[in-house]
């Protein structure tokens, strides 16, 4: 058994790293336990960022620790089989002019849509960015309307609707219209609603966070898989590792999902019968497939006339996917990062891409494909409900504790704040 700590963080992804750094800033002794050999988790695989918490970047001085951006914002390109691709840049007036070639009425509607969504997004930021009171001005229609229906109420061009809907996660799900607002509420490089490309990809974010946490004195332990939570009554008291070792602390923050934390790690029914039953009956999450292709020649998606620093969305046919060209580690090689809806095969993803970049298959020198569950959005769930658990002293800080799962770090920052407030209350006589 190791010496007790003030706090234990389970998982070394962006949420865990952020939580550990913020906990250590308060003077707490923190140990971060990571099951794998390397820290960073899914963050290392990301080519672009759209939701990285600006407060995390500033307060943990990530730019001073090496985080730089190759692109501050990237255009959204809807690829069409007829070659009449639709390019949506940052300037809504320029985007409207591009849309006008497809539909003059949609061009006029786009400026109104952009203004409406961005204004509402700014109003809802405190709700999603901090532990703020429930907003009173969420339009009732957005709470129940799907993104598909919301976009259809504004536009007629299928390529435009499909490209915008890709960011909604589950565009046919009731309430997914609010996911479009959440995306517009994010900020990258000081730009609202931007999608940025960091130099070195998401690995650069991970390395900057690791550097910050190490400099502050966080203890890292890799290859330390947590087997179970240790409770004292209904309060967190530490964890047991696969190795048989126990690590003690009165506060535990988990980067794992609520289901994995409360059903797999916590003692049976310790979360209460109602919560345990709810988690056991929870509907399966949606699937997404992440593909990385290494090429020996650049993939000119949409043709050479379109800048390659863009997100390319293919929403015609199956699978629906987004592709981004990213920097490769070796000279003469090129990376193509793809996010596809559902769990298509690698062959199906390549076939879909080849409709817009012929001979792609012959240029591939390496590939990786991983399908994973993507949790459902919690856009109307307060931060405390997403982060706190029925077990005293146990908090969630990973991607599933965000309103929408993303490389963000905001849940880690908020979880650290709630955990320290809890610890302070326990110390008060």
Protein backbone atom coordinates (compact mmCIF):
# COMPACT_ATOMS: atom_id res chain seq x y z
CA UNK A 1 0.00 0.00 0.00
CA UNK A 2 1.37 3.41 -1.00
CA UNK A 3 1.23 6.52 1.19
CA UNK A 4 -2.17 8.28 1.10
CA UNK A 5 -2.74 11.10 -1.36
CA UNK A 6 -5.24 13.94 -1.31
CA UNK A 7 -6.62 12.89 -4.68
CA UNK A 8 -6.45 10.04 -7.20
CA UNK A 9 -7.14 10.57 -10.90
CA UNK A 10 -8.01 7.50 -12.96
CA UNK A 11 -6.96 7.82 -16.61
CA UNK A 12 -4.40 9.96 -18.39
CA UNK A 13 -6.48 11.37 -21.24
CA UNK A 14 -7.15 15.08 -21.60
CA UNK A 15 -9.79 15.06 -18.85
CA UNK A 16 -7.56 13.26 -16.36
CA UNK A 17 -4.49 15.34 -17.15
CA UNK A 18 -6.46 18.57 -16.83
CA UNK A 19 -8.08 17.50 -13.57
CA UNK A 20 -4.73 16.44 -12.09
CA UNK A 21 -3.08 19.75 -12.98
CA UNK A 22 -5.92 21.83 -11.50
CA UNK A 23 -5.99 19.71 -8.35
CA UNK A 24 -2.26 20.15 -7.91
CA UNK A 25 -2.60 23.92 -8.37
CA UNK A 26 -4.60 23.97 -5.12
CA UNK A 27 -1.72 22.31 -3.27
CA UNK A 28 -3.27 18.84 -3.17
CA UNK A 29 -1.04 15.79 -3.51
CA UNK A 30 -2.22 14.03 -6.67
CA UNK A 31 -1.44 10.67 -8.26
CA UNK A 32 -2.64 9.93 -11.78
CA UNK A 33 -3.07 6.24 -12.65
CA UNK A 34 -3.00 5.24 -16.33
CA UNK A 35 -3.59 1.67 -17.49
CA UNK A 36 -1.56 2.06 -20.69
CA UNK A 37 2.13 2.77 -21.11
CA UNK A 38 1.62 6.25 -22.58
CA UNK A 39 -0.38 9.23 -21.38
CA UNK A 40 -2.68 11.26 -23.60
CA UNK A 41 -5.32 8.71 -24.62
CA UNK A 42 -7.57 9.56 -27.58
CA UNK A 43 -6.17 13.10 -27.62
CA UNK A 44 -3.04 11.81 -29.37
CA UNK A 45 -5.07 10.56 -32.35
CA UNK A 46 -6.83 13.87 -33.07
CA UNK A 47 -5.90 15.87 -36.16
CA UNK A 48 -8.14 18.85 -35.37
CA UNK A 49 -9.60 20.53 -32.30
CA UNK A 50 -12.87 22.42 -31.96
CA UNK A 51 -13.69 22.38 -28.23
CA UNK A 52 -10.42 22.73 -26.29
CA UNK A 53 -11.28 24.81 -23.22
CA UNK A 54 -9.74 28.32 -23.59
CA UNK A 55 -9.38 28.55 -19.82
CA UNK A 56 -7.32 25.36 -19.76
CA UNK A 57 -5.07 26.74 -22.51
CA UNK A 58 -4.56 30.01 -20.63
CA UNK A 59 -4.48 28.88 -17.00
CA UNK A 60 -2.18 25.93 -17.63
CA UNK A 61 -0.01 27.99 -20.02
CA UNK A 62 -0.19 25.41 -22.80
CA UNK A 63 1.15 27.75 -25.49
CA UNK A 64 4.22 28.46 -23.34
CA UNK A 65 4.65 24.72 -23.11
CA UNK A 66 4.79 24.18 -26.85
CA UNK A 67 1.20 24.20 -28.11
CA UNK A 68 1.05 25.94 -31.50
CA UNK A 69 -1.47 25.88 -34.32
CA UNK A 70 -0.83 25.32 -38.00
CA UNK A 71 -4.39 26.45 -38.81
CA UNK A 72 -6.54 28.67 -36.61
CA UNK A 73 -9.69 27.76 -38.52
CA UNK A 74 -10.57 25.42 -41.36
CA UNK A 75 -13.23 25.72 -44.02
CA UNK A 76 -16.00 23.13 -44.23
CA UNK A 77 -16.30 21.57 -47.70
CA UNK A 78 -19.34 19.52 -48.70
CA UNK A 79 -18.17 17.19 -51.45
CA UNK A 80 -20.68 16.43 -54.19
CA UNK A 81 -20.50 13.71 -56.80
CA UNK A 82 -21.35 16.17 -59.57
CA UNK A 83 -18.23 18.20 -58.71
CA UNK A 84 -20.21 21.26 -57.55
CA UNK A 85 -18.61 21.24 -54.11
CA UNK A 86 -19.82 23.69 -51.49
CA UNK A 87 -17.16 25.59 -49.54
CA UNK A 88 -18.16 27.25 -46.26
CA UNK A 89 -15.50 29.51 -44.78
CA UNK A 90 -15.49 31.62 -41.63
CA UNK A 91 -16.98 34.77 -43.17
CA UNK A 92 -20.76 34.21 -43.34
CA UNK A 93 -21.05 36.69 -46.24
CA UNK A 94 -18.48 34.78 -48.32
CA UNK A 95 -20.18 31.51 -47.37
CA UNK A 96 -23.51 32.94 -48.48
CA UNK A 97 -22.02 33.86 -51.85
CA UNK A 98 -20.80 30.27 -52.26
CA UNK A 99 -24.24 28.95 -51.33
CA UNK A 100 -25.91 31.29 -53.82
CA UNK A 101 -24.51 29.21 -56.70
CA UNK A 102 -26.69 26.36 -55.41
CA UNK A 103 -29.67 28.24 -53.99
CA UNK A 104 -30.21 32.02 -53.72
CA UNK A 105 -32.84 31.49 -51.02
CA UNK A 106 -30.43 29.38 -48.96
CA UNK A 107 -27.79 32.07 -49.31
CA UNK A 108 -30.13 34.61 -47.73
CA UNK A 109 -31.20 32.13 -45.05
CA UNK A 110 -27.60 31.23 -44.13
CA UNK A 111 -26.71 34.66 -42.80
CA UNK A 112 -29.81 34.64 -40.60
CA UNK A 113 -29.08 31.07 -39.44
CA UNK A 114 -25.44 31.86 -38.64
CA UNK A 115 -26.38 34.98 -36.68
CA UNK A 116 -29.14 33.18 -34.76
CA UNK A 117 -27.04 30.15 -33.80
CA UNK A 118 -23.92 32.12 -32.84
CA UNK A 119 -25.89 34.58 -30.68
CA UNK A 120 -27.69 31.79 -28.85
CA UNK A 121 -24.39 29.94 -28.44
CA UNK A 122 -22.79 32.92 -26.69
CA UNK A 123 -25.78 33.19 -24.35
CA UNK A 124 -25.53 29.51 -23.40
CA UNK A 125 -21.76 29.44 -22.84
CA UNK A 126 -21.97 29.86 -19.03
CA UNK A 127 -24.26 26.83 -18.88
CA UNK A 128 -21.86 24.63 -20.81
CA UNK A 129 -18.55 26.19 -19.81
CA UNK A 130 -19.02 26.61 -16.06
CA UNK A 131 -21.04 25.40 -13.10
CA UNK A 132 -23.74 27.98 -13.86
CA UNK A 133 -27.49 28.07 -13.08
CA UNK A 134 -29.86 26.64 -15.67
CA UNK A 135 -30.48 29.01 -18.57
CA UNK A 136 -33.94 30.45 -18.96
CA UNK A 137 -33.71 31.33 -22.63
CA UNK A 138 -33.23 28.00 -24.42
CA UNK A 139 -35.85 27.99 -27.19
CA UNK A 140 -38.33 25.21 -26.52
CA UNK A 141 -38.14 24.01 -30.11
CA UNK A 142 -34.40 23.32 -29.81
CA UNK A 143 -34.91 21.12 -26.76
CA UNK A 144 -36.99 18.68 -28.78
CA UNK A 145 -36.17 19.33 -32.45
CA UNK A 146 -33.67 17.23 -34.35
CA UNK A 147 -30.77 18.88 -36.14
CA UNK A 148 -32.13 17.50 -39.39
CA UNK A 149 -35.52 19.17 -38.86
CA UNK A 150 -33.95 22.42 -37.65
CA UNK A 151 -31.74 22.69 -40.73
CA UNK A 152 -34.63 21.72 -43.00
CA UNK A 153 -36.61 24.64 -41.56
CA UNK A 154 -33.88 26.97 -42.88
CA UNK A 155 -32.47 25.40 -46.05
CA UNK A 156 -33.41 23.41 -49.15
CA UNK A 157 -29.99 22.35 -50.49
CA UNK A 158 -29.23 18.80 -49.39
CA UNK A 159 -25.45 19.23 -49.52
CA UNK A 160 -25.65 22.23 -47.20
CA UNK A 161 -27.99 20.54 -44.74
CA UNK A 162 -25.95 17.35 -44.69
CA UNK A 163 -22.62 19.13 -44.17
CA UNK A 164 -23.93 21.20 -41.26
CA UNK A 165 -25.74 18.21 -39.73
CA UNK A 166 -22.54 16.14 -39.58
CA UNK A 167 -21.44 18.13 -36.52
CA UNK A 168 -24.64 17.28 -34.64
CA UNK A 169 -23.59 13.72 -33.80
CA UNK A 170 -27.00 12.10 -34.15
CA UNK A 171 -28.79 14.55 -36.46
CA UNK A 172 -32.09 12.63 -36.39
CA UNK A 173 -32.28 12.38 -32.59
CA UNK A 174 -34.76 14.62 -30.76
CA UNK A 175 -32.94 17.60 -29.24
CA UNK A 176 -29.89 17.26 -31.48
CA UNK A 177 -30.55 20.74 -32.87
CA UNK A 178 -29.01 22.02 -29.65
CA UNK A 179 -25.77 20.21 -30.57
CA UNK A 180 -25.36 22.67 -33.45
CA UNK A 181 -25.54 25.50 -30.92
CA UNK A 182 -23.03 23.75 -28.64
CA UNK A 183 -20.56 23.50 -31.53
CA UNK A 184 -21.02 27.21 -32.25
CA UNK A 185 -20.42 27.99 -28.57
CA UNK A 186 -16.89 26.58 -28.67
CA UNK A 187 -13.83 28.75 -29.20
CA UNK A 188 -10.47 27.92 -30.72
CA UNK A 189 -7.56 30.35 -31.08
CA UNK A 190 -9.89 33.17 -30.02
CA UNK A 191 -12.37 32.40 -32.81
CA UNK A 192 -15.93 31.33 -32.04
CA UNK A 193 -17.01 28.13 -33.76
CA UNK A 194 -13.56 27.51 -35.26
CA UNK A 195 -11.92 24.17 -36.02
CA UNK A 196 -8.15 24.44 -35.56
CA UNK A 197 -5.24 22.18 -36.49
CA UNK A 198 -2.43 22.05 -33.91
CA UNK A 199 1.14 21.56 -35.05
CA UNK A 200 1.88 17.94 -34.24
CA UNK A 201 -1.81 17.08 -33.94
CA UNK A 202 -3.56 16.27 -30.67
CA UNK A 203 -0.31 14.77 -29.37
CA UNK A 204 0.96 18.33 -28.95
CA UNK A 205 -1.95 19.08 -26.61
CA UNK A 206 -1.22 15.94 -24.61
CA UNK A 207 2.48 16.79 -24.30
CA UNK A 208 1.74 20.34 -23.17
CA UNK A 209 -0.67 19.09 -20.51
CA UNK A 210 1.79 16.44 -19.34
CA UNK A 211 4.50 19.09 -19.08
CA UNK A 212 2.21 21.36 -17.05
CA UNK A 213 1.19 18.59 -14.65
CA UNK A 214 4.77 17.36 -14.20
CA UNK A 215 6.04 20.87 -13.52
CA UNK A 216 3.36 21.28 -10.85
CA UNK A 217 4.33 18.02 -9.16
CA UNK A 218 1.62 15.55 -10.20
CA UNK A 219 2.76 11.96 -9.69
CA UNK A 220 2.24 9.81 -12.80
CA UNK A 221 1.99 6.05 -12.74
CA UNK A 222 1.55 4.25 -16.06
CA UNK A 223 0.72 0.56 -16.48
CA UNK A 224 -1.35 0.99 -13.32
CA UNK A 225 -4.79 -0.39 -14.17
CA UNK A 226 -7.45 0.28 -11.54
CA UNK A 227 -9.39 -2.86 -10.66
CA UNK A 228 -11.83 -1.51 -8.09
CA UNK A 229 -12.83 1.48 -6.01
CA UNK A 230 -12.34 1.25 -2.26
CA UNK A 231 -15.15 2.77 -0.20
CA UNK A 232 -15.47 3.74 3.44
CA UNK A 233 -19.22 3.51 3.91
CA UNK A 234 -20.56 5.43 0.93
CA UNK A 235 -17.45 7.59 0.54
CA UNK A 236 -14.46 7.12 -1.73
CA UNK A 237 -11.36 5.96 0.13
CA UNK A 238 -9.03 4.88 -2.67
CA UNK A 239 -8.54 2.29 -5.38
CA UNK A 240 -7.21 -1.22 -5.79
CA UNK A 241 -4.91 -1.96 -8.74
CA UNK A 242 -4.66 -5.10 -10.85
CA UNK A 243 -1.25 -5.64 -9.26
CA UNK A 244 -2.89 -6.06 -5.84
CA UNK A 245 -1.63 -2.71 -4.55
CA UNK A 246 -4.00 -0.26 -2.91
CA UNK A 247 -3.75 3.52 -3.28
CA UNK A 248 -5.65 5.63 -0.75
CA UNK A 249 -7.25 9.07 -1.07
CA UNK A 250 -10.48 10.70 0.03
CA UNK A 251 -11.15 12.11 -3.42
CA UNK A 252 -11.19 10.06 -6.62
CA UNK A 253 -11.73 11.46 -10.11
CA UNK A 254 -12.45 9.01 -12.92
CA UNK A 255 -11.90 9.62 -16.64
CA UNK A 256 -13.97 6.53 -17.39
CA UNK A 257 -17.64 6.65 -18.26
CA UNK A 258 -20.29 6.81 -15.54
CA UNK A 259 -21.30 3.27 -16.42
CA UNK A 260 -17.76 1.86 -16.26
CA UNK A 261 -16.98 3.75 -13.05
CA UNK A 262 -20.13 2.85 -11.11
CA UNK A 263 -20.83 -0.63 -12.49
CA UNK A 264 -17.35 -2.02 -13.14
CA UNK A 265 -15.18 -0.36 -10.48
CA UNK A 266 -17.53 0.44 -7.59
CA UNK A 267 -18.87 -2.28 -5.29
CA UNK A 268 -22.21 -3.72 -6.40
CA UNK A 269 -25.14 -1.30 -6.02
CA UNK A 270 -23.00 1.23 -4.13
CA UNK A 271 -24.39 3.93 -6.42
CA UNK A 272 -27.90 3.09 -5.22
CA UNK A 273 -30.39 0.72 -6.77
CA UNK A 274 -32.11 3.37 -8.91
CA UNK A 275 -28.87 4.61 -10.49
CA UNK A 276 -27.50 1.09 -10.89
CA UNK A 277 -30.70 -0.08 -12.58
CA UNK A 278 -30.72 2.97 -14.87
CA UNK A 279 -27.12 2.38 -15.96
CA UNK A 280 -27.74 -1.31 -16.59
CA UNK A 281 -30.70 -0.47 -18.84
CA UNK A 282 -28.98 2.41 -20.60
CA UNK A 283 -29.35 2.29 -24.39
CA UNK A 284 -26.20 1.43 -26.36
CA UNK A 285 -24.15 4.40 -27.51
CA UNK A 286 -23.82 5.33 -31.16
CA UNK A 287 -20.78 4.15 -33.09
CA UNK A 288 -18.11 6.10 -34.93
CA UNK A 289 -15.08 4.79 -36.78
CA UNK A 290 -11.78 6.60 -36.83
CA UNK A 291 -9.46 5.80 -39.74
CA UNK A 292 -5.90 6.98 -40.34
CA UNK A 293 -4.41 6.49 -43.80
CA UNK A 294 -0.73 7.03 -44.59
CA UNK A 295 -0.24 7.91 -48.26
CA UNK A 296 2.77 8.25 -50.57
CA UNK A 297 1.10 11.15 -52.40
CA UNK A 298 -1.29 13.88 -51.33
CA UNK A 299 -5.00 13.08 -51.57
CA UNK A 300 -6.53 15.98 -53.47
CA UNK A 301 -10.04 15.74 -52.10
CA UNK A 302 -12.40 17.84 -54.16
CA UNK A 303 -9.67 18.70 -56.63
CA UNK A 304 -6.59 20.86 -56.48
CA UNK A 305 -8.67 24.04 -56.64
CA UNK A 306 -9.78 23.59 -53.01
CA UNK A 307 -7.33 24.39 -50.23
CA UNK A 308 -6.34 21.21 -48.40
CA UNK A 309 -6.53 22.94 -45.00
CA UNK A 310 -10.21 22.11 -44.81
CA UNK A 311 -12.65 19.58 -43.42
CA UNK A 312 -14.18 17.54 -46.20
CA UNK A 313 -17.59 16.04 -45.49
CA UNK A 314 -19.10 13.33 -47.67
CA UNK A 315 -22.77 12.99 -46.80
CA UNK A 316 -23.90 11.41 -50.08
CA UNK A 317 -24.17 7.65 -49.81
CA UNK A 318 -22.68 5.48 -47.08
CA UNK A 319 -20.75 5.83 -44.93
CA UNK A 320 -21.09 9.50 -44.06
CA UNK A 321 -17.65 10.76 -43.15
CA UNK A 322 -15.34 13.70 -42.54
CA UNK A 323 -11.75 13.69 -43.81
CA UNK A 324 -8.84 15.98 -42.95
CA UNK A 325 -5.31 16.04 -44.38
CA UNK A 326 -2.79 16.10 -41.54
CA UNK A 327 0.98 16.35 -41.34
CA UNK A 328 2.88 13.07 -41.61
CA UNK A 329 5.81 12.04 -39.47
CA UNK A 330 8.01 11.03 -42.41
CA UNK A 331 9.09 13.11 -45.45
CA UNK A 332 7.26 12.17 -48.63
CA UNK A 333 4.29 10.77 -46.75
CA UNK A 334 0.85 12.25 -46.13
CA UNK A 335 -1.81 11.49 -43.56
CA UNK A 336 -5.55 11.42 -44.08
CA UNK A 337 -7.64 11.30 -40.89
CA UNK A 338 -11.24 10.17 -41.28
CA UNK A 339 -14.18 10.11 -38.89
CA UNK A 340 -17.04 7.96 -40.22
CA UNK A 341 -20.54 7.52 -38.82
CA UNK A 342 -21.35 4.00 -37.65
CA UNK A 343 -18.96 1.04 -37.89
CA UNK A 344 -18.09 0.70 -41.59
CA UNK A 345 -15.25 -1.51 -42.76
CA UNK A 346 -11.95 0.02 -43.80
CA UNK A 347 -12.71 -1.05 -47.36
CA UNK A 348 -16.06 0.80 -47.29
CA UNK A 349 -14.39 3.99 -46.05
CA UNK A 350 -11.73 3.84 -48.77
CA UNK A 351 -14.37 3.14 -51.45
CA UNK A 352 -16.36 6.18 -50.35
CA UNK A 353 -13.26 8.39 -50.46
CA UNK A 354 -12.26 7.09 -53.90
CA UNK A 355 -15.44 8.58 -55.33
CA UNK A 356 -13.78 11.96 -54.80
CA UNK A 357 -10.08 11.15 -55.03
CA UNK A 358 -9.47 8.46 -57.67
CA UNK A 359 -6.60 5.98 -57.22
CA UNK A 360 -6.52 6.62 -53.47
CA UNK A 361 -6.17 2.91 -52.73
CA UNK A 362 -2.96 2.66 -54.76
CA UNK A 363 -1.37 5.46 -52.68
CA UNK A 364 -1.99 3.86 -49.28
CA UNK A 365 1.15 2.61 -47.51
CA UNK A 366 -0.37 2.20 -44.06
CA UNK A 367 -3.78 2.21 -42.40
CA UNK A 368 -5.43 2.00 -39.00
CA UNK A 369 -9.14 1.69 -38.25
CA UNK A 370 -10.80 1.81 -34.83
CA UNK A 371 -14.54 1.71 -34.14
CA UNK A 372 -15.69 3.03 -30.78
CA UNK A 373 -18.80 3.90 -28.84
CA UNK A 374 -19.69 7.58 -28.72
CA UNK A 375 -21.84 8.57 -25.73
CA UNK A 376 -25.08 10.41 -26.19
CA UNK A 377 -25.06 14.15 -25.65
CA UNK A 378 -26.04 15.66 -22.27
CA UNK A 379 -26.75 19.14 -23.49
CA UNK A 380 -29.43 19.96 -20.91
CA UNK A 381 -27.74 18.25 -17.97
CA UNK A 382 -26.12 20.60 -15.43
CA UNK A 383 -22.38 20.26 -14.90
CA UNK A 384 -22.81 18.97 -11.35
CA UNK A 385 -25.08 16.17 -12.51
CA UNK A 386 -22.64 15.17 -15.26
CA UNK A 387 -19.61 15.23 -12.96
CA UNK A 388 -20.78 14.26 -9.45
CA UNK A 389 -21.82 10.70 -8.56
CA UNK A 390 -23.94 9.16 -5.79
CA UNK A 391 -20.70 8.08 -4.07
CA UNK A 392 -19.29 10.79 -1.83
CA UNK A 393 -15.91 12.02 -3.03
CA UNK A 394 -16.14 10.35 -6.45
CA UNK A 395 -16.28 12.59 -9.52
CA UNK A 396 -16.16 12.09 -13.29
CA UNK A 397 -13.70 14.09 -15.40
CA UNK A 398 -13.55 12.36 -18.80
CA UNK A 399 -15.15 12.94 -22.17
CA UNK A 400 -18.48 11.44 -21.13
CA UNK A 401 -18.80 14.12 -18.45
CA UNK A 402 -18.84 16.81 -21.16
CA UNK A 403 -22.16 18.01 -22.68
CA UNK A 404 -20.85 16.43 -25.90
CA UNK A 405 -17.83 14.16 -25.87
CA UNK A 406 -14.86 16.04 -27.30
CA UNK A 407 -11.21 16.83 -26.70
CA UNK A 408 -12.03 19.62 -24.33
CA UNK A 409 -10.67 19.38 -20.77
CA UNK A 410 -13.53 21.44 -19.38
CA UNK A 411 -14.99 18.51 -17.41
CA UNK A 412 -11.57 17.96 -15.86
CA UNK A 413 -11.34 21.59 -14.79
CA UNK A 414 -14.85 21.61 -13.31
CA UNK A 415 -14.41 18.21 -11.65
CA UNK A 416 -11.25 19.42 -9.91
CA UNK A 417 -13.14 22.47 -8.62
CA UNK A 418 -16.04 20.38 -7.31
CA UNK A 419 -13.67 17.83 -5.77
CA UNK A 420 -11.70 20.47 -3.88
CA UNK A 421 -14.91 22.11 -2.63
CA UNK A 422 -16.00 18.68 -1.39
CA UNK A 423 -12.65 18.10 0.33
CA UNK A 424 -12.85 21.51 2.02
CA UNK A 425 -16.32 20.71 3.38
CA UNK A 426 -15.10 17.42 4.83
CA UNK A 427 -12.28 19.23 6.65
CA UNK A 428 -14.68 21.78 8.17
CA UNK A 429 -15.63 20.77 11.73
